[in-house]
Protein backbone atom coordinates (compact mmCIF):
# COMPACT_ATOMS: atom_id res chain seq x y z
CA MET A 1 0.00 0.00 0.00
CA PRO A 2 1.57 3.30 -1.04
CA LEU A 3 2.24 5.84 1.64
CA ARG A 4 -0.05 8.83 1.75
CA LYS A 5 1.57 12.25 1.43
CA SER A 6 0.52 15.67 2.60
CA GLY A 7 1.72 18.98 1.26
CA ILE A 8 2.81 21.49 3.91
CA GLU A 9 3.82 25.09 3.48
CA ASP A 10 6.70 26.13 5.73
CA ARG A 11 8.42 29.50 5.40
CA GLY A 12 6.88 29.85 1.95
CA LEU A 13 8.42 26.59 0.73
CA SER A 14 6.35 23.67 -0.50
CA MET A 15 7.13 20.56 1.58
CA THR A 16 6.10 16.94 1.16
CA ARG A 17 6.23 14.67 4.19
CA TRP A 18 5.27 11.10 4.92
CA THR A 19 2.22 10.82 7.12
CA ARG A 20 3.05 7.10 7.64
CA PRO A 21 6.78 6.66 7.13
CA ASN A 22 8.24 3.16 7.08
CA ALA A 23 11.66 3.91 8.53
CA ARG A 24 13.07 0.40 8.20
CA LEU A 25 12.08 0.16 4.56
CA ALA A 26 13.55 3.58 3.81
CA LEU A 27 16.82 2.72 5.57
CA ALA A 28 17.12 -0.63 3.79
CA ALA A 29 16.40 0.95 0.40
CA TRP A 30 18.87 3.78 1.03
CA VAL A 31 21.68 1.46 2.12
CA PHE A 32 21.09 -1.04 -0.69
CA ALA A 33 20.83 1.58 -3.43
CA SER A 34 23.86 3.52 -2.20
CA THR A 35 26.08 0.47 -1.74
CA ALA A 36 25.09 -1.07 -5.08
CA SER A 37 25.77 2.18 -6.94
CA VAL A 38 29.24 2.50 -5.37
CA LEU A 39 30.10 -1.11 -6.31
CA LEU A 40 28.95 -0.39 -9.86
CA ALA A 41 31.10 2.75 -9.92
CA PHE A 42 34.17 0.74 -8.86
CA LEU A 43 33.39 -1.77 -11.60
CA ILE A 44 33.29 1.04 -14.15
CA VAL A 45 36.63 2.37 -12.89
CA ARG A 46 38.16 -1.10 -13.19
CA MET A 47 36.84 -1.49 -16.75
CA LEU A 48 37.87 1.95 -17.99
CA VAL A 49 41.16 2.53 -16.15
CA ASP A 50 43.88 0.14 -17.26
CA PRO A 51 46.69 0.38 -14.70
CA ALA A 52 50.16 0.81 -16.16
CA GLY A 53 52.88 -1.09 -14.33
CA GLY A 54 50.34 -2.43 -11.83
CA LYS A 55 49.28 1.02 -10.61
CA ALA A 56 46.54 3.19 -12.09
CA ASN A 57 47.03 6.90 -12.63
CA PRO A 58 45.34 8.54 -9.61
CA VAL A 59 44.17 11.55 -11.63
CA VAL A 60 42.52 9.38 -14.29
CA SER A 61 41.02 7.12 -11.64
CA SER A 62 39.66 10.14 -9.79
CA VAL A 63 38.06 11.59 -12.92
CA VAL A 64 36.37 8.27 -13.66
CA GLY A 65 35.45 7.98 -9.98
CA VAL A 66 33.73 11.37 -10.01
CA ALA A 67 31.80 10.35 -13.11
CA GLY A 68 30.90 7.04 -11.48
CA ILE A 69 30.32 7.75 -7.78
CA GLY A 70 29.43 11.41 -8.36
CA LEU A 71 26.56 10.45 -10.67
CA LEU A 72 25.52 6.89 -9.82
CA LEU A 73 25.41 7.39 -6.05
CA PRO A 74 23.21 10.52 -6.04
CA LEU A 75 21.01 9.05 -8.78
CA ALA A 76 20.38 5.97 -6.64
CA GLN A 77 19.66 8.12 -3.59
CA TRP A 78 17.45 10.43 -5.62
CA GLY A 79 15.19 7.48 -6.37
CA ILE A 80 14.38 7.37 -2.65
CA LEU A 81 14.38 11.06 -1.82
CA ARG A 82 12.03 11.91 -4.68
CA GLN A 83 9.27 10.04 -2.89
CA PHE A 84 8.97 12.58 -0.10
CA LEU A 85 11.04 15.68 -0.87
CA PRO A 86 10.22 18.30 -3.53
CA LYS A 87 12.63 19.39 -6.25
CA SER A 88 14.69 16.31 -5.49
CA HIS A 89 16.65 16.65 -8.74
CA HIS A 90 18.58 19.38 -6.93
CA TRP A 91 20.03 16.56 -4.82
CA ILE A 92 21.86 15.20 -7.87
CA VAL A 93 23.39 18.59 -8.69
CA ALA A 94 24.42 19.25 -5.09
CA SER A 95 25.91 15.78 -4.68
CA LEU A 96 27.90 15.91 -7.91
CA ALA A 97 29.31 19.30 -6.97
CA GLY A 98 30.16 18.06 -3.48
CA VAL A 99 31.85 14.87 -4.70
CA SER A 100 33.89 16.80 -7.29
CA LEU A 101 35.12 19.37 -4.77
CA GLY A 102 35.59 16.76 -2.05
CA LEU A 103 37.71 14.56 -4.29
CA ALA A 104 39.83 17.54 -5.30
CA ILE A 105 40.48 18.30 -1.63
CA ASP A 106 41.15 14.62 -0.92
CA LEU A 107 43.77 14.48 -3.68
CA ALA A 108 45.34 17.70 -2.43
CA LEU A 109 45.57 16.58 1.21
CA SER A 110 46.56 12.93 0.96
CA PRO A 111 49.96 13.19 -0.79
CA LEU A 112 51.13 16.14 1.30
CA GLY A 113 51.25 14.37 4.64
CA VAL A 114 49.87 17.42 6.40
CA TYR A 115 49.28 15.34 9.54
CA PRO A 116 52.01 13.81 11.73
CA ILE A 117 51.02 10.25 10.77
CA GLN A 118 50.39 9.28 7.17
CA ALA A 119 47.32 7.20 8.08
CA LEU A 120 45.81 10.26 9.73
CA SER A 121 46.37 12.18 6.51
CA THR A 122 44.08 9.74 4.73
CA LEU A 123 41.59 9.86 7.61
CA GLY A 124 41.66 13.65 7.63
CA ALA A 125 41.15 13.77 3.88
CA SER A 126 38.20 11.38 4.15
CA ILE A 127 36.56 13.44 6.88
CA ALA A 128 37.13 16.57 4.81
CA PHE A 129 35.51 14.78 1.87
CA GLY A 130 32.51 13.89 4.03
CA ILE A 131 32.16 17.45 5.28
CA VAL A 132 32.32 18.94 1.79
CA VAL A 133 29.83 16.47 0.31
CA GLY A 134 27.55 16.74 3.34
CA THR A 135 27.60 20.53 3.21
CA ALA A 136 26.67 20.57 -0.47
CA GLN A 137 23.77 18.19 0.23
CA TRP A 138 22.77 20.15 3.34
CA MET A 139 22.26 23.25 1.22
CA TYR A 140 19.38 21.38 -0.41
CA LEU A 141 18.08 19.48 2.63
CA ARG A 142 17.98 22.51 4.94
CA ARG A 143 15.06 23.96 2.97
CA TYR A 144 12.82 21.03 3.81
CA LEU A 145 14.10 19.12 6.85
CA PRO A 146 14.40 20.27 10.47
CA HIS A 147 17.85 20.00 12.07
CA ALA A 148 19.35 19.30 8.64
CA ILE A 149 22.76 20.47 9.89
CA LEU A 150 23.13 16.99 11.39
CA TRP A 151 23.48 15.66 7.85
CA ILE A 152 26.98 17.16 7.64
CA VAL A 153 27.95 15.36 10.85
CA ALA A 154 26.53 12.07 9.55
CA SER A 155 28.38 12.45 6.25
CA ALA A 156 31.72 13.24 7.90
CA LEU A 157 31.27 10.42 10.40
CA GLY A 158 30.39 7.89 7.71
CA TRP A 159 33.33 8.67 5.44
CA GLY A 160 35.71 8.84 8.39
CA LEU A 161 34.59 5.46 9.74
CA MET A 162 34.88 4.03 6.25
CA THR A 163 38.59 4.92 6.16
CA VAL A 164 39.18 3.55 9.66
CA THR A 165 37.51 0.27 8.64
CA THR A 166 38.99 -0.25 5.18
CA GLY A 167 42.43 1.30 5.69
CA MET A 168 44.27 3.54 3.26
CA VAL A 169 43.80 1.37 0.16
CA VAL A 170 40.43 0.33 -1.27
CA GLU A 171 41.18 -2.47 -3.71
CA GLY A 172 39.39 -5.70 -2.82
CA LEU A 173 35.67 -6.37 -3.13
CA LEU A 174 35.20 -6.29 0.65
CA GLU A 175 36.83 -2.86 0.95
CA GLN A 176 34.74 -1.56 -1.94
CA PHE A 177 31.60 -2.96 -0.32
CA LEU A 178 32.44 -1.22 2.96
CA PHE A 179 33.29 1.95 1.02
CA GLY A 180 29.65 2.10 -0.04
CA LEU A 181 28.03 0.54 3.03
CA ILE A 182 29.43 2.55 5.94
CA PRO A 183 28.68 6.09 4.66
CA ALA A 184 25.26 4.81 3.51
CA LEU A 185 24.48 3.48 7.00
CA SER A 186 25.53 6.73 8.66
CA THR A 187 23.53 8.99 6.35
CA GLY A 188 20.66 6.47 6.20
CA LEU A 189 20.25 6.63 9.97
CA ALA A 190 20.23 10.42 9.73
CA LEU A 191 17.53 10.20 7.07
CA VAL A 192 15.42 7.96 9.31
CA TYR A 193 15.81 10.50 12.12
CA PHE A 194 14.61 13.30 9.83
CA MET A 195 11.63 11.20 8.77
CA HIS A 196 10.81 10.48 12.40
CA ILE A 197 10.79 14.08 13.57
CA SER A 198 8.92 15.16 10.42
CA TYR A 199 6.28 12.53 11.11
CA ARG A 200 5.97 13.59 14.75
CA GLY A 201 5.42 17.13 13.54
CA THR A 202 2.59 16.11 11.21
CA ILE A 203 -0.79 14.81 12.41
CA ASP A 204 -3.73 14.50 10.04
CA GLY A 205 -1.99 16.72 7.51
CA ARG A 206 -1.44 19.53 10.02
CA GLU A 207 1.95 20.58 11.35
CA VAL A 208 2.33 20.50 15.14
CA ALA A 209 5.26 20.95 17.49
CA ALA A 210 7.56 17.94 17.48
């Protein structure tokens, strides 16, 4: 049975909220779609980037990665967000911009060893990536979701934990799976939280205090 929606005007912006959100279904769909799209992006990188001397050019790999992860990941997530947020195509634009800028920062930080320990350089770059991507996405989400600033925290936490779990090199299938899974879990839980407080603030199509 499809979920019923109600349109709500808030600060002059048209909002669409679930009146009966299924949080577990939304979380499962978000995690599955996000992880699958990242695995597909890695497959595309492997098919298109032929490593010379056993090591792929990081610039070429990054360009292909932006085209893969920067498009496939937000497209997969858009398929879920479009069900309850208006103008959800803006999510794709914001995410692509965030991934592009975040990857540029990641490439700039990692080789420089700006932290005392090299592993922390990779961790710092990953957290910076999560903050940049999360901020770009927050600029869209803040128009429609309460406490949307938490999305930046969830994004930074997810990408940081991903690096701690997988290490500095993401090569094997397990590492690639975790690369998609951990950030998806972190942001998916944040999405469920937003759905919960939005639902609490909506009774019979009328907005009330959460």
